[in-house]
Amino acid sequence: MRWPSLLMGIAAILVAGADAHAEIYRYRDPETGRMKLTNIPPPWMKRAPQPAAAPATAESAGAAPETKFAAPASTGSYPLPEHGVLRMNVPAAWRDDVRSGSSALPPTIAFRPVSGERFEIQMTPFWRAQADSPLPTKDVLRQRLEQAIEGVRPRALEQEIKPVEFAGTAGAGVYFSVTDRTPEASEYKFMTQGILGVRELTVAFTILTNDGEREVVQQALAMLQTAVHDER
């Protein structure tokens, strides 16, 4: 199975539901004639006011202590266009690659090993389309993750796929892990995918690994737990 081919669709499900206003818009830019994919609505679209909901925090997530992982040591800083900086502790043995589509779109941050067996971690920090939009709640995070689970269930080996809650430094998160039913040599066998609130951001993430790389998943979750959003 080509796990990466599912990333954009599932990220759209995760983020669109994590924030009632953080929808994914696809439209043709009248100035450039190019198609755009963004969480910022077109200029001509106005939205009706929505009632505020209580934000999901690390305290309200009710995360079990066993989901705390040992944090890596080095630090990474990732500027977000007009939305501050995302910072987190990154293992020194990993290299990062920031992919930016345009100034209006959130970047995707990818991590791979400097050497050794291959794996890939991708995360995209989405910001709210409007400053007064409510932050995602714990229940909404879980609900949208369950939608993502249904999207991969036909291709997964597991009959039961359970969401796992965890708490980061700046918000609550939830993820699931699945195994490719019919893996090919050139593809990844395992996928862990989820979403995490980091103050004003909603971070969608995917961890792709093969046999013997369980520690990579633990390190990636530890890295996410240290994520903070500096809005300056």
Protein backbone atom coordinates (compact mmCIF):
# COMPACT_ATOMS: atom_id res chain seq x y z
CA MET A 1 0.00 0.00 0.00
CA ARG A 2 1.19 3.49 -0.75
CA TRP A 3 0.60 5.15 2.61
CA PRO A 4 1.86 8.57 1.37
CA SER A 5 -0.93 8.75 -1.20
CA LEU A 6 -3.41 8.98 1.67
CA LEU A 7 -1.73 11.85 3.49
CA MET A 8 -3.42 14.89 1.94
CA GLY A 9 -6.90 13.45 2.11
CA ILE A 10 -6.59 12.34 5.71
CA ALA A 11 -4.90 15.57 6.78
CA ALA A 12 -7.85 17.44 5.27
CA ILE A 13 -10.27 15.30 7.30
CA LEU A 14 -8.27 15.78 10.49
CA VAL A 15 -7.78 19.51 10.26
CA ALA A 16 -11.18 20.40 8.83
CA GLY A 17 -12.77 18.76 11.83
CA ALA A 18 -10.28 19.79 14.46
CA ASP A 19 -11.35 23.40 14.11
CA ALA A 20 -14.89 24.18 13.04
CA HIS A 21 -13.48 27.03 10.93
CA ALA A 22 -10.25 25.41 9.74
CA GLU A 23 -11.63 23.92 6.57
CA ILE A 24 -9.65 23.05 3.45
CA TYR A 25 -10.55 25.26 0.46
CA ARG A 26 -9.76 24.39 -3.15
CA TYR A 27 -10.36 27.09 -5.74
CA ARG A 28 -8.83 28.75 -8.80
CA ASP A 29 -6.98 31.99 -8.06
CA PRO A 30 -8.51 34.61 -10.41
CA GLU A 31 -5.20 36.52 -10.58
CA THR A 32 -2.85 33.64 -11.41
CA GLY A 33 -5.27 31.08 -12.86
CA ARG A 34 -3.72 28.41 -10.64
CA MET A 35 -5.55 26.02 -8.34
CA LYS A 36 -5.00 26.70 -4.62
CA LEU A 37 -5.35 24.35 -1.64
CA THR A 38 -5.47 26.28 1.63
CA ASN A 39 -7.16 26.57 5.01
CA ILE A 40 -7.80 30.28 4.38
CA PRO A 41 -11.18 30.95 2.69
CA PRO A 42 -11.31 32.85 -0.61
CA PRO A 43 -11.75 36.63 -0.27
CA TRP A 44 -15.30 36.46 -1.58
CA MET A 45 -16.44 33.89 1.02
CA LYS A 46 -17.88 35.09 4.33
CA ARG A 47 -18.74 32.85 7.23
CA ALA A 48 -21.50 33.07 9.79
CA PRO A 49 -20.39 33.46 13.42
CA GLN A 50 -19.97 30.16 15.31
CA PRO A 51 -20.44 29.60 19.06
CA ALA A 52 -17.18 29.27 20.94
CA ALA A 53 -16.16 25.90 22.40
CA ALA A 54 -13.86 25.12 25.29
CA PRO A 55 -10.32 24.51 23.94
CA ALA A 56 -8.62 21.17 24.39
CA THR A 57 -5.65 21.43 26.73
CA ALA A 58 -3.14 18.97 28.11
CA GLU A 59 -5.05 19.00 31.40
CA SER A 60 -8.45 18.38 29.80
CA ALA A 61 -7.14 15.60 27.57
CA GLY A 62 -6.92 13.11 30.39
CA ALA A 63 -3.83 11.56 28.80
CA ALA A 64 -2.45 8.48 30.51
CA PRO A 65 1.01 8.87 32.11
CA GLU A 66 2.38 5.99 30.03
CA THR A 67 2.09 8.08 26.86
CA LYS A 68 4.92 10.32 28.08
CA PHE A 69 8.10 9.58 26.13
CA ALA A 70 11.72 10.56 26.72
CA ALA A 71 12.32 13.83 24.87
CA PRO A 72 15.15 14.20 22.32
CA ALA A 73 17.83 16.82 22.99
CA SER A 74 18.35 19.13 19.98
CA THR A 75 16.08 22.05 18.99
CA GLY A 76 14.40 22.90 15.68
CA SER A 77 12.68 26.18 14.77
CA TYR A 78 10.27 26.40 11.81
CA PRO A 79 8.94 29.82 10.71
CA LEU A 80 5.29 29.96 9.65
CA PRO A 81 4.23 32.65 7.16
CA GLU A 82 2.76 35.51 9.22
CA HIS A 83 2.04 33.09 12.07
CA GLY A 84 5.18 33.03 14.21
CA VAL A 85 7.44 30.02 14.73
CA LEU A 86 6.89 26.37 15.61
CA ARG A 87 9.63 25.01 17.88
CA MET A 88 10.32 21.47 19.07
CA ASN A 89 13.11 19.16 20.20
CA VAL A 90 14.41 17.09 17.29
CA PRO A 91 16.74 14.07 17.45
CA ALA A 92 20.21 15.03 16.25
CA ALA A 93 20.33 11.96 13.98
CA TRP A 94 17.41 13.28 11.90
CA ARG A 95 17.50 15.77 9.04
CA ASP A 96 14.60 18.04 8.26
CA ASP A 97 13.16 19.38 5.03
CA VAL A 98 10.61 22.21 4.95
CA ARG A 99 8.30 22.23 1.95
CA SER A 100 6.39 25.45 1.31
CA GLY A 101 3.81 25.63 -1.46
CA SER A 102 3.18 29.38 -1.24
CA SER A 103 3.04 32.18 1.31
CA ALA A 104 -0.67 31.47 1.91
CA LEU A 105 -0.23 27.77 2.68
CA PRO A 106 1.17 26.12 5.81
CA PRO A 107 4.53 24.41 5.25
CA THR A 108 4.98 20.66 5.55
CA ILE A 109 7.96 19.65 7.68
CA ALA A 110 9.52 16.28 6.84
CA PHE A 111 12.08 14.34 8.87
CA ARG A 112 14.30 11.50 7.66
CA PRO A 113 17.38 9.76 9.10
CA VAL A 114 20.82 11.15 8.34
CA SER A 115 21.92 7.52 7.83
CA GLY A 116 20.65 4.00 8.43
CA GLU A 117 17.28 2.41 7.79
CA ARG A 118 14.77 4.67 6.08
CA PHE A 119 11.69 6.20 7.70
CA GLU A 120 9.73 9.39 7.16
CA ILE A 121 7.83 11.75 9.43
CA GLN A 122 5.62 14.49 8.02
CA MET A 123 3.79 17.21 9.88
CA THR A 124 1.79 20.22 8.76
CA PRO A 125 0.89 22.99 11.24
CA PHE A 126 -2.45 24.59 10.31
CA TRP A 127 -3.56 27.91 11.73
CA ARG A 128 -7.08 29.19 12.18
CA ALA A 129 -8.69 30.84 9.18
CA GLN A 130 -10.05 33.63 11.39
CA ALA A 131 -8.64 35.03 14.63
CA ASP A 132 -11.96 34.61 16.45
CA SER A 133 -12.43 30.97 15.43
CA PRO A 134 -12.74 28.58 18.41
CA LEU A 135 -9.88 26.25 19.28
CA PRO A 136 -10.50 22.51 18.74
CA THR A 137 -11.90 20.49 21.62
CA LYS A 138 -10.74 17.06 22.75
CA ASP A 139 -13.98 15.46 21.53
CA VAL A 140 -13.69 17.03 18.07
CA LEU A 141 -10.07 15.87 17.73
CA ARG A 142 -11.10 12.31 18.51
CA GLN A 143 -14.15 12.41 16.25
CA ARG A 144 -12.15 13.53 13.23
CA LEU A 145 -9.40 11.02 13.91
CA GLU A 146 -12.02 8.28 13.87
CA GLN A 147 -13.07 9.51 10.41
CA ALA A 148 -9.46 9.17 9.29
CA ILE A 149 -9.35 5.64 10.72
CA GLU A 150 -12.32 4.66 8.57
CA GLY A 151 -10.41 5.91 5.53
CA VAL A 152 -7.49 3.51 6.06
CA ARG A 153 -9.38 0.56 7.57
CA PRO A 154 -9.88 -1.35 4.26
CA ARG A 155 -6.10 -1.39 3.70
CA ALA A 156 -5.00 -2.04 7.28
CA LEU A 157 -4.14 -5.43 8.77
CA GLU A 158 -5.67 -4.61 12.16
CA GLN A 159 -9.33 -5.45 12.69
CA GLU A 160 -9.54 -3.07 15.62
CA ILE A 161 -7.87 0.37 15.36
CA LYS A 162 -7.93 2.31 18.60
CA PRO A 163 -7.34 6.07 18.97
CA VAL A 164 -4.68 6.85 21.58
CA GLU A 165 -4.78 10.15 23.44
CA PHE A 166 -1.62 11.95 24.51
CA ALA A 167 -0.71 15.32 25.97
CA GLY A 168 1.80 17.77 24.57
CA THR A 169 3.42 20.78 26.21
CA ALA A 170 0.88 23.15 24.63
CA GLY A 171 -2.22 21.05 23.97
CA ALA A 172 -3.93 17.70 23.59
CA GLY A 173 -3.48 15.14 20.83
CA VAL A 174 -4.71 11.80 19.56
CA TYR A 175 -3.29 9.26 17.08
CA PHE A 176 -3.67 5.74 15.70
CA SER A 177 -1.28 3.13 14.30
CA VAL A 178 -1.89 0.62 11.50
CA THR A 179 -0.03 -2.06 9.53
CA ASP A 180 -0.11 -2.39 5.75
CA ARG A 181 -2.08 -5.50 4.81
CA THR A 182 0.07 -6.21 1.72
CA PRO A 183 3.33 -4.24 1.98
CA GLU A 184 5.74 -3.96 -0.92
CA ALA A 185 9.50 -3.68 -0.60
CA SER A 186 9.57 -0.06 -1.79
CA GLU A 187 6.83 1.10 0.57
CA TYR A 188 6.38 1.56 4.31
CA LYS A 189 4.80 -1.19 6.38
CA PHE A 190 3.61 0.82 9.39
CA MET A 191 1.85 4.16 9.73
CA THR A 192 1.07 6.23 12.82
CA GLN A 193 -1.10 9.25 12.13
CA GLY A 194 -2.75 11.86 14.30
CA ILE A 195 -3.37 15.45 15.23
CA LEU A 196 -2.12 17.68 18.04
CA GLY A 197 -3.17 21.08 19.30
CA VAL A 198 -0.24 23.45 19.85
CA ARG A 199 -1.73 26.68 21.22
CA GLU A 200 -3.16 28.45 18.15
CA LEU A 201 -2.05 25.68 15.76
CA THR A 202 -3.47 22.32 14.78
CA VAL A 203 -0.66 19.98 13.74
CA ALA A 204 -1.47 16.98 11.53
CA PHE A 205 1.29 14.35 11.53
CA THR A 206 2.19 11.05 9.90
CA ILE A 207 4.97 8.63 10.89
CA LEU A 208 6.00 6.02 8.30
CA THR A 209 8.25 3.14 9.37
CA ASN A 210 9.24 -0.47 8.74
CA ASP A 211 10.16 -3.44 10.95
CA GLY A 212 12.50 -2.72 13.86
CA GLU A 213 11.71 1.02 14.02
CA ARG A 214 9.32 1.22 16.96
CA GLU A 215 11.77 3.56 18.67
CA VAL A 216 11.36 6.01 15.78
CA VAL A 217 7.65 6.24 16.53
CA GLN A 218 8.36 6.88 20.21
CA GLN A 219 10.93 9.55 19.37
CA ALA A 220 8.52 11.25 16.94
CA LEU A 221 5.74 11.36 19.54
CA ALA A 222 8.24 12.71 22.07
CA MET A 223 9.24 15.42 19.61
CA LEU A 224 5.61 16.38 19.10
CA GLN A 225 5.05 16.56 22.85
CA THR A 226 7.71 19.27 23.10
CA ALA A 227 6.19 21.43 20.32
CA VAL A 228 5.47 25.06 21.23
CA HIS A 229 4.11 27.93 19.15
CA ASP A 230 5.80 31.32 19.42
CA GLU A 231 3.40 33.82 17.83
CA ARG A 232 5.91 36.70 17.76
